[in-house]
Amino acid sequence: MRMPAVRGVIDRRILVNYRVDPAVAAAALPAPFRPQLVNGAAMAGICLIRLKQIRPAFLPLPVGIGSENAAHRVAVEWDADGERRTGVFIPRRDTSSRLNALVGGRVFPGVHHHARFEVHESGDRLSVAFRSDDGAASIAVTVRPGKELPADSAFASAAEASAFFEAGSLGYSATAEPTRFDGLELCCDGWAVEPLAVESVRSAYFEDETRFPPGSVAFDHALLMRGVPHSWHGRADVRG
């Protein structure tokens, strides 16, 4: 699916990332995707992003809408035209916007499910939680500023993690057709992330033992972005 470019601002973006057993991750991915490994581990997670001033690129401010959104993601690679490509596969998207839920997968890429979000900021502590209307997805995370990644992270440093996720800006979302995936690329006007210290995190998706058997998944780290102008660009579909 192709769509006109849209612009806006990433008001706040939290990337909550997990290490996953490569075989378990591979079994959950549709063709043509396979896990992109970091020091022997697959990398998956949830992007919790608050967008504002979202509008077609040709419209000036103050036109624009805002919303809270969540995307479950797996870092992937695949082959196209004889080359190895990298990005993320997105099995599920959730949003506070009923408009996004209505037009997602039709006007712009990716089926979106409506969810209710709760966000609380107190001092340097930030809590974000959501639960989808269909009850299939939920998360609750509380974070504060951090100085470095956890000692057991798959990444050697925050800079290494930052470079990895910056390179994974091209995402493919599940659609109503099991073998067709909508392409969407995030282009940021500058890229800057900082590590977060995570006080607590609960995820229905990653705690589902039918999807991730005991011992196959572990929290790795979390990162934060704030106040980043950006644009979204539709890209050619991928088919399995």
Protein backbone atom coordinates (compact mmCIF):
# COMPACT_ATOMS: atom_id res chain seq x y z
CA MET A 1 0.00 0.00 0.00
CA ARG A 2 1.32 3.45 -0.93
CA MET A 3 0.15 6.62 0.78
CA PRO A 4 1.05 10.30 0.56
CA ALA A 5 3.86 11.33 2.92
CA VAL A 6 2.68 12.63 6.28
CA ARG A 7 4.59 14.80 8.72
CA GLY A 8 4.42 15.42 12.43
CA VAL A 9 6.34 15.32 15.69
CA ILE A 10 7.25 12.35 17.84
CA ASP A 11 6.28 13.90 21.15
CA ARG A 12 7.45 10.83 23.08
CA ARG A 13 8.60 7.38 21.98
CA ILE A 14 9.54 4.50 24.29
CA LEU A 15 11.10 1.38 22.81
CA VAL A 16 10.72 -1.56 25.21
CA ASN A 17 12.96 -4.34 23.90
CA TYR A 18 13.29 -8.06 24.61
CA ARG A 19 15.79 -10.80 23.78
CA VAL A 20 14.07 -13.79 22.19
CA ASP A 21 15.30 -17.30 21.40
CA PRO A 22 16.00 -17.22 17.64
CA ALA A 23 14.11 -20.45 16.94
CA VAL A 24 11.02 -19.20 18.79
CA ALA A 25 11.15 -15.87 16.97
CA ALA A 26 11.60 -17.58 13.60
CA ALA A 27 8.56 -19.79 14.20
CA ALA A 28 6.41 -16.70 14.83
CA LEU A 29 7.46 -14.88 11.65
CA PRO A 30 5.75 -15.23 8.27
CA ALA A 31 7.75 -15.67 5.07
CA PRO A 32 9.87 -13.97 3.79
CA PHE A 33 11.03 -12.61 7.16
CA ARG A 34 13.62 -14.13 9.48
CA PRO A 35 14.97 -12.80 12.80
CA GLN A 36 17.80 -10.28 12.73
CA LEU A 37 20.15 -11.41 15.48
CA VAL A 38 22.11 -9.36 18.01
CA ASN A 39 24.88 -11.37 19.66
CA GLY A 40 22.93 -14.58 19.04
CA ALA A 41 19.54 -13.29 20.19
CA ALA A 42 16.49 -12.19 18.22
CA MET A 43 15.29 -8.71 19.17
CA ALA A 44 11.60 -7.91 19.63
CA GLY A 45 9.67 -5.30 21.53
CA ILE A 46 6.94 -2.71 21.78
CA CYS A 47 7.07 0.85 20.50
CA LEU A 48 4.93 3.21 22.59
CA ILE A 49 4.69 6.44 20.65
CA ARG A 50 2.76 9.67 21.15
CA LEU A 51 2.40 11.58 17.90
CA LYS A 52 1.24 15.16 17.42
CA GLN A 53 0.72 17.58 14.50
CA ILE A 54 0.23 14.60 12.14
CA ARG A 55 -0.87 15.86 8.72
CA PRO A 56 -0.25 15.37 5.01
CA ALA A 57 3.19 16.77 4.23
CA PHE A 58 1.75 19.49 1.97
CA LEU A 59 -0.42 21.00 4.76
CA PRO A 60 1.08 23.69 7.02
CA LEU A 61 0.72 23.96 10.77
CA PRO A 62 -1.45 24.33 12.83
CA VAL A 63 -3.34 21.58 10.95
CA GLY A 64 -2.67 18.17 12.48
CA ILE A 65 -3.92 15.48 14.87
CA GLY A 66 -2.38 13.62 17.78
CA SER A 67 -2.67 10.11 19.20
CA GLU A 68 -1.12 7.49 21.46
CA ASN A 69 -0.01 4.38 19.62
CA ALA A 70 1.66 1.02 20.21
CA ALA A 71 3.35 -1.36 17.80
CA HIS A 72 4.60 -4.85 18.61
CA ARG A 73 7.79 -5.33 16.58
CA VAL A 74 10.38 -7.93 15.66
CA ALA A 75 13.70 -6.96 14.08
CA VAL A 76 13.91 -8.89 10.82
CA GLU A 77 15.86 -9.42 7.65
CA TRP A 78 14.76 -10.73 4.27
CA ASP A 79 16.01 -11.05 0.71
CA ALA A 80 14.79 -8.85 -2.14
CA ASP A 81 16.30 -8.44 -5.60
CA GLY A 82 19.28 -10.51 -4.56
CA GLU A 83 20.06 -8.27 -1.55
CA ARG A 84 19.66 -8.65 2.20
CA ARG A 85 17.25 -6.07 3.64
CA THR A 86 16.61 -5.21 7.28
CA GLY A 87 13.74 -3.62 9.16
CA VAL A 88 10.94 -4.66 11.51
CA PHE A 89 7.89 -6.89 11.18
CA ILE A 90 4.86 -5.54 13.04
CA PRO A 91 2.30 -8.24 13.90
CA ARG A 92 -0.01 -5.81 15.69
CA ARG A 93 -0.73 -2.08 15.98
CA ASP A 94 -2.93 -0.40 18.61
CA THR A 95 -4.04 3.24 18.81
CA SER A 96 -6.05 5.65 20.93
CA SER A 97 -7.45 7.20 17.74
CA ARG A 98 -10.71 5.79 16.43
CA LEU A 99 -9.88 7.44 13.10
CA ASN A 100 -6.62 5.51 12.88
CA ALA A 101 -8.44 2.31 13.79
CA LEU A 102 -11.02 2.99 11.07
CA VAL A 103 -8.66 3.81 8.21
CA GLY A 104 -5.60 1.71 9.15
CA GLY A 105 -5.06 -0.94 6.50
CA ARG A 106 -7.23 1.06 4.09
CA VAL A 107 -5.95 4.63 3.75
CA PHE A 108 -2.57 4.10 5.40
CA PRO A 109 -0.55 0.95 6.11
CA GLY A 110 -1.31 -1.55 8.83
CA VAL A 111 -4.49 -2.70 10.54
CA HIS A 112 -4.91 -0.71 13.78
CA HIS A 113 -6.87 -1.85 16.85
CA HIS A 114 -8.48 0.66 19.16
CA ALA A 115 -7.11 0.76 22.71
CA ARG A 116 -7.34 2.87 25.84
CA PHE A 117 -4.10 4.46 27.01
CA GLU A 118 -3.13 5.88 30.39
CA VAL A 119 -0.04 8.10 30.67
CA HIS A 120 1.27 9.61 33.88
CA GLU A 121 4.33 11.83 34.34
CA SER A 122 5.49 12.80 37.80
CA GLY A 123 8.90 14.38 38.20
CA ASP A 124 11.31 12.22 36.23
CA ARG A 125 9.05 9.15 36.36
CA LEU A 126 6.94 8.21 33.32
CA SER A 127 4.28 5.50 33.20
CA VAL A 128 2.53 4.35 30.03
CA ALA A 129 -0.14 1.66 29.89
CA PHE A 130 -2.73 0.55 27.41
CA ARG A 131 -5.32 -2.19 26.98
CA SER A 132 -6.95 -2.94 23.64
CA ASP A 133 -10.71 -3.00 23.34
CA ASP A 134 -10.56 -6.62 22.19
CA GLY A 135 -8.48 -7.60 25.24
CA ALA A 136 -5.76 -9.15 23.10
CA ALA A 137 -2.98 -6.67 23.90
CA SER A 138 -1.87 -4.74 26.96
CA ILE A 139 1.26 -3.32 28.52
CA ALA A 140 2.20 -1.30 31.58
CA VAL A 141 5.68 0.19 31.93
CA THR A 142 7.17 2.66 34.39
CA VAL A 143 10.52 4.25 33.57
CA ARG A 144 12.87 7.02 34.61
CA PRO A 145 16.03 8.42 33.01
CA GLY A 146 18.95 5.99 32.92
CA LYS A 147 22.65 6.27 32.23
CA GLU A 148 23.42 2.97 30.50
CA LEU A 149 21.86 -0.28 29.37
CA PRO A 150 21.43 -3.22 31.78
CA ALA A 151 24.57 -5.32 32.21
CA ASP A 152 22.92 -8.34 30.56
CA SER A 153 21.74 -6.46 27.45
CA ALA A 154 22.52 -7.98 24.06
CA PHE A 155 23.99 -4.60 23.09
CA ALA A 156 27.40 -3.43 24.29
CA SER A 157 26.26 0.18 24.70
CA ALA A 158 23.36 2.59 24.25
CA ALA A 159 25.10 3.92 21.14
CA GLU A 160 25.14 0.44 19.60
CA ALA A 161 21.45 -0.05 20.38
CA SER A 162 20.65 3.39 18.97
CA ALA A 163 22.39 2.61 15.68
CA PHE A 164 20.59 -0.75 15.41
CA PHE A 165 17.12 0.73 15.82
CA GLU A 166 17.85 3.75 13.64
CA ALA A 167 18.70 1.33 10.82
CA GLY A 168 15.41 -0.50 11.36
CA SER A 169 13.21 2.36 10.20
CA LEU A 170 11.37 0.33 7.53
CA GLY A 171 8.44 -1.63 8.94
CA TYR A 172 6.06 -4.18 7.45
CA SER A 173 2.67 -4.64 9.08
CA ALA A 174 0.31 -7.57 9.09
CA THR A 175 -2.81 -7.05 6.97
CA ALA A 176 -6.13 -8.83 6.44
CA GLU A 177 -4.31 -10.87 3.78
CA PRO A 178 -2.01 -13.39 5.53
CA THR A 179 0.67 -13.20 2.82
CA ARG A 180 0.69 -9.42 2.17
CA PHE A 181 2.46 -6.90 4.39
CA ASP A 182 2.08 -3.11 4.21
CA GLY A 183 5.32 -1.12 4.08
CA LEU A 184 5.88 2.10 6.05
CA GLU A 185 9.16 3.94 6.62
CA LEU A 186 9.89 6.38 9.44
CA CYS A 187 12.24 9.24 8.52
CA CYS A 188 13.40 11.39 11.47
CA ASP A 189 14.80 14.91 11.21
CA GLY A 190 17.67 13.95 13.49
CA TRP A 191 17.95 10.83 15.62
CA ALA A 192 18.65 10.85 19.34
CA VAL A 193 17.74 8.24 21.97
CA GLU A 194 18.62 7.89 25.62
CA PRO A 195 18.57 4.81 27.86
CA LEU A 196 15.83 4.37 30.42
CA ALA A 197 15.90 2.71 33.81
CA VAL A 198 12.84 0.44 33.94
CA GLU A 199 11.13 0.18 37.33
CA SER A 200 8.46 -2.24 36.13
CA VAL A 201 7.14 -3.70 32.88
CA ARG A 202 4.29 -6.08 32.13
CA SER A 203 3.35 -7.18 28.63
CA ALA A 204 0.53 -9.58 27.82
CA TYR A 205 2.22 -10.36 24.50
CA PHE A 206 5.67 -11.25 25.84
CA GLU A 207 4.30 -12.99 28.94
CA ASP A 208 2.11 -15.31 26.85
CA GLU A 209 3.72 -18.74 27.33
CA THR A 210 1.81 -20.20 24.39
CA ARG A 211 3.74 -17.77 22.21
CA PHE A 212 7.00 -17.62 24.19
CA PRO A 213 7.75 -20.79 26.20
CA PRO A 214 9.39 -20.26 29.60
CA GLY A 215 13.02 -19.23 29.22
CA SER A 216 12.65 -18.13 25.57
CA VAL A 217 12.21 -14.39 26.20
CA ALA A 218 13.77 -11.85 28.57
CA PHE A 219 13.56 -8.08 28.98
CA ASP A 220 16.66 -6.43 27.49
CA HIS A 221 16.41 -2.62 27.77
CA ALA A 222 14.33 0.46 27.01
CA LEU A 223 15.08 3.66 25.09
CA LEU A 224 13.43 7.09 24.90
CA MET A 225 13.01 9.70 22.17
CA ARG A 226 11.34 13.10 22.62
CA GLY A 227 10.40 16.04 20.41
CA VAL A 228 11.56 14.67 17.05
CA PRO A 229 10.11 16.09 13.78
CA HIS A 230 9.56 13.24 11.38
CA SER A 231 7.70 11.95 8.34
CA TRP A 232 6.09 8.65 7.37
CA HIS A 233 6.35 7.26 3.84
CA GLY A 234 4.42 4.36 2.36
CA ARG A 235 6.60 1.72 0.71
CA ALA A 236 5.89 -1.15 -1.65
CA ASP A 237 4.16 -4.17 -0.13
CA VAL A 238 6.07 -7.35 0.59
CA ARG A 239 4.43 -10.70 -0.12
CA GLY A 240 5.22 -14.02 1.44
